[in-house]
Structures are given as structure tokens and as C-alpha cells.
Protein backbone atom coordinates (compact mmCIF):
# COMPACT_ATOMS: atom_id res chain seq x y z
CA MET A 1 81.60 60.99 102.34
CA ARG A 2 79.03 58.88 104.16
CA ASN A 3 80.28 57.03 107.24
CA ASP A 4 77.75 54.43 108.36
CA VAL A 5 79.94 53.33 111.28
CA ALA A 6 79.99 56.86 112.69
CA LEU A 7 76.25 57.27 112.15
CA GLN A 8 75.57 53.98 113.95
CA PHE A 9 77.87 55.07 116.80
CA LEU A 10 75.79 58.23 117.21
CA ARG A 11 72.52 56.26 117.01
CA ASP A 12 73.76 53.92 119.74
CA ARG A 13 74.81 56.70 122.12
CA ARG A 14 73.08 56.67 125.46
CA SER A 15 73.87 57.73 128.96
CA VAL A 16 74.71 55.28 131.71
CA PRO A 17 73.46 56.42 135.13
CA ALA A 18 76.33 57.82 137.20
CA ALA A 19 75.48 55.48 140.08
CA ALA A 20 75.96 52.51 137.71
CA LEU A 21 79.40 53.60 136.49
CA GLN A 22 82.28 51.53 137.83
CA PRO A 23 86.05 51.46 137.89
CA PRO A 24 88.20 51.55 136.00
CA GLY A 25 87.87 55.08 134.79
CA PRO A 26 90.12 56.63 132.22
CA THR A 27 93.81 56.87 133.01
CA ALA A 28 95.37 60.34 133.01
CA GLY A 29 96.45 59.79 129.40
CA GLU A 30 93.03 58.52 128.32
CA LEU A 31 91.36 61.46 130.04
CA ARG A 32 93.62 63.89 128.19
CA GLU A 33 92.72 62.16 124.92
CA ILE A 34 88.98 62.38 125.73
CA VAL A 35 89.33 66.08 126.53
CA ALA A 36 91.50 66.78 123.47
CA THR A 37 88.82 65.18 121.31
CA ALA A 38 85.89 66.87 123.06
CA ILE A 39 87.22 70.42 122.82
CA ARG A 40 86.80 70.36 119.04
CA VAL A 41 83.49 72.20 119.26
CA PRO A 42 81.97 75.20 117.49
CA ASP A 43 83.64 78.25 119.04
CA HIS A 44 82.87 81.56 117.34
CA GLY A 45 86.02 83.68 117.31
CA LYS A 46 88.13 80.93 118.93
CA PHE A 47 87.10 82.50 122.23
CA THR A 48 87.22 79.26 124.33
CA PRO A 49 84.31 80.24 126.57
CA TRP A 50 84.69 77.16 128.75
CA ARG A 51 87.07 75.16 130.86
CA LEU A 52 86.99 71.88 132.83
CA ILE A 53 87.60 70.86 136.43
CA ALA A 54 88.25 67.15 137.07
CA PHE A 55 87.32 65.26 140.23
CA SER A 56 88.45 61.75 141.04
CA GLY A 57 88.86 59.72 144.19
CA GLU A 58 89.09 61.78 147.37
CA ALA A 59 88.61 65.07 145.51
CA GLY A 60 85.06 64.04 144.59
CA ALA A 61 84.35 63.01 148.18
CA ARG A 62 85.70 66.33 149.52
CA TYR A 63 83.66 68.36 147.04
CA GLY A 64 80.52 66.37 147.91
CA GLU A 65 81.12 66.98 151.61
CA ALA A 66 81.59 70.71 150.97
CA LEU A 67 78.33 70.79 148.98
CA ALA A 68 76.48 69.00 151.78
CA ASP A 69 77.84 71.49 154.34
CA LEU A 70 76.78 74.39 152.12
CA HIS A 71 73.33 72.90 151.56
CA ALA A 72 72.83 72.45 155.32
CA ARG A 73 73.84 76.07 155.99
CA VAL A 74 71.55 77.48 153.31
CA ASP A 75 68.61 75.21 154.18
CA PRO A 76 68.83 74.03 157.81
CA GLY A 77 65.71 71.91 157.31
CA VAL A 78 67.07 69.95 154.35
CA PRO A 79 66.35 66.22 154.79
CA ALA A 80 69.29 64.01 155.72
CA ALA A 81 68.71 61.93 152.56
CA LYS A 82 69.36 64.98 150.36
CA LEU A 83 72.57 65.75 152.25
CA ALA A 84 73.68 62.14 151.80
CA LYS A 85 72.99 62.47 148.07
CA ASP A 86 75.11 65.65 147.98
CA ARG A 87 77.96 63.81 149.72
CA GLU A 88 77.85 60.79 147.42
CA ARG A 89 77.10 62.54 144.11
CA PHE A 90 80.76 62.84 143.07
CA THR A 91 81.92 59.45 144.34
CA HIS A 92 79.86 57.08 142.18
CA SER A 93 81.95 57.32 139.04
CA PRO A 94 85.74 57.18 138.76
CA VAL A 95 85.98 60.63 137.12
CA VAL A 96 83.69 63.65 137.08
CA LEU A 97 84.36 66.61 134.80
CA ALA A 98 82.72 69.90 135.71
CA VAL A 99 82.09 71.87 132.53
CA ILE A 100 82.53 75.54 133.33
CA ALA A 101 81.05 78.16 131.00
CA ARG A 102 83.02 81.44 130.94
CA ILE A 103 80.58 83.99 129.58
CA ASP A 104 81.51 87.51 128.53
CA GLU A 105 78.07 89.15 128.49
CA HIS A 106 79.46 92.26 126.80
CA HIS A 107 81.68 90.73 124.12
CA PRO A 108 81.47 93.02 121.06
CA LYS A 109 81.16 90.20 118.51
CA ILE A 110 80.22 86.94 120.22
CA PRO A 111 76.76 86.81 121.81
CA ALA A 112 76.53 85.25 125.28
CA GLN A 113 74.18 82.61 123.90
CA GLU A 114 76.81 81.41 121.43
CA GLN A 115 79.36 81.19 124.23
CA LEU A 116 76.97 79.14 126.36
CA LEU A 117 76.08 76.87 123.45
CA SER A 118 79.78 76.23 122.80
CA ALA A 119 80.14 75.08 126.42
CA GLY A 120 77.07 72.86 125.97
CA CYS A 121 78.65 71.35 122.86
CA LEU A 122 81.75 70.59 124.93
CA ALA A 123 79.63 68.77 127.51
CA TYR A 124 78.00 66.66 124.81
CA ASN A 125 81.29 66.00 123.05
CA LEU A 126 82.68 64.70 126.35
CA LEU A 127 79.90 62.09 126.36
CA LEU A 128 80.74 61.09 122.80
CA ALA A 129 84.51 61.05 123.33
CA ALA A 130 84.18 58.98 126.51
CA GLN A 131 82.04 56.44 124.68
CA ALA A 132 84.42 56.37 121.71
CA ALA A 133 87.29 55.71 124.13
CA GLY A 134 85.45 52.67 125.51
CA PHE A 135 83.91 54.26 128.60
CA ALA A 136 80.39 55.24 129.56
CA ALA A 137 79.22 58.61 130.79
CA GLN A 138 76.29 60.67 132.02
CA TRP A 139 75.64 64.42 131.97
CA LEU A 140 74.11 65.66 135.22
CA THR A 141 73.50 69.08 136.70
CA GLY A 142 71.81 69.53 140.09
CA TRP A 143 71.30 72.49 142.37
CA SER A 144 75.01 73.26 142.64
CA CYS A 145 75.12 74.29 138.96
CA TYR A 146 72.77 77.16 139.78
CA ASP A 147 74.17 78.30 143.12
CA ARG A 148 76.79 81.08 143.43
CA ASP A 149 78.09 79.77 146.77
CA ALA A 150 78.68 76.38 145.15
CA ALA A 151 80.45 78.21 142.31
CA ARG A 152 82.78 79.74 144.89
CA LEU A 153 83.59 76.24 146.20
CA LEU A 154 84.90 75.53 142.70
CA GLY A 155 86.82 78.81 142.65
CA LEU A 156 84.75 80.19 139.77
CA ALA A 157 84.96 83.81 138.71
CA ASP A 158 81.83 85.97 138.58
CA ASN A 159 81.47 85.34 134.84
CA GLU A 160 81.77 81.56 135.23
CA ARG A 161 79.19 78.91 136.05
CA ALA A 162 79.10 75.14 136.10
CA ILE A 163 76.75 73.95 133.39
CA ALA A 164 77.31 70.20 133.61
CA TYR A 165 78.98 67.45 135.55
CA ILE A 166 80.08 64.68 133.18
CA HIS A 167 80.47 61.40 135.07
CA VAL A 168 82.81 58.93 133.34
CA GLY A 169 83.60 55.31 134.12
CA SER A 170 83.16 51.78 132.91
CA ARG A 171 79.72 50.43 132.23
CA GLY A 172 78.34 47.46 134.07
CA GLU A 173 75.11 46.32 132.49
CA GLU A 174 74.01 47.78 129.19
CA PRO A 175 71.46 50.52 129.92
CA PRO A 176 68.04 50.02 128.37
CA GLU A 177 67.16 52.05 125.32
CA ARG A 178 64.62 54.76 126.01
CA ASN A 179 61.90 56.05 123.74
CA ARG A 180 63.16 58.71 121.35
CA PRO A 181 61.01 61.23 119.51
CA ASN A 182 59.88 60.40 116.01
CA VAL A 183 61.70 62.49 113.40
CA ASP A 184 58.35 63.77 112.10
CA GLN A 185 57.60 65.18 115.57
CA VAL A 186 60.71 67.36 115.59
CA LEU A 187 61.41 68.14 111.93
CA SER A 188 59.30 70.45 109.79
CA ALA A 189 59.85 72.47 106.64
CA TRP A 190 59.39 76.21 106.70
CA GLN A 191 56.34 77.10 104.66
CA GLY A 192 57.08 80.82 104.29
């Protein structure tokens, strides 16, 4: 059954820069609804190879401070502006959700790539669910997604890694549309 409203919703989806997100963010109940909607992703074997960590208010400020301290220890010459960005990164939006991929590299049936893709689908679904709930969101990563010491700050196990930080809040101004690829640039038919 064709659903033109849903198709238009997907066509209209766009990220709002985290620094432009404003209060109010989702209430605890709205956040649970966003998450409950977003977790309906492809998940081979019902393995749930992901989880979420939420930051809001002072928690985001504390995590940003911990990241800045870590960054300064690892790179004593890091510019002050980068440390300030680390400190502020999790305070711009009312809620930040860290998407954590839990990868079993040796699972007998579910390849690691499928597990990682499921976590990526969760990150994207969080953007869609936030927008459907009347909020705006942006998917960011940054150096801390690729750093094991930063993973320890989050309490991640050795098989876990942050793959995305989804910033959620209310939109101020409507973000401008950006150029999208032409369908003919990305779609081809296999010619055998």
C-alpha cells in the first residue's frame, strides 16, 4: 500500500546542526517512545548488537570535560579551541544518545558487518523517530568514537564501540536543504 505522507516525510528529512538545537528536548516518556520506535531495525537472529547511552544536562557537560582531559593527556599540544569543542560538544542539544555497537566478531551465524549495520540502522532510525516525534536531530561522530580510552570513559566492553552520537532537541530555524545526488548517479541495473 503506497503511503505518500510517509514518502514525503522521508524526502523532507534533514539534519539540524547540533549547535542549533534548542530546548526543550524530549521528556523521559517521549525519549522512551523515540527509542522504542527506533529499535525496530533489521537484526539478523534477534541478536541486538547495540545499546544506547543517554546524556542530558550535567551528564553531557561532565562527559565533555572528561573527553577534554583525555584529549589533553593524549596530545599535550592540542589547541585550546579543540579542547573547548570537546567540552561543549555534549552540551549544545538537550539530549545526546550514544549508539553503542556490540560486535561479536566470532558469532557462528551473524557476520560482524551485519551486526555493525544493524547498529547503523538504529542510529538512522533515531533521527527519523526524533523527527516524527516533533524534534530535530543530528548524527555526529568525532575522534571519541574511534578511541579506546574514550570508550572506557563510557564503560564500554572490549567488543563495544560508539558509532554515533545522536543529538536531539527542538529546531530553531529551518535548516537549508542541501544538494542531493541525482538518482541516475547512484542507481544502475546489473548488466550481467
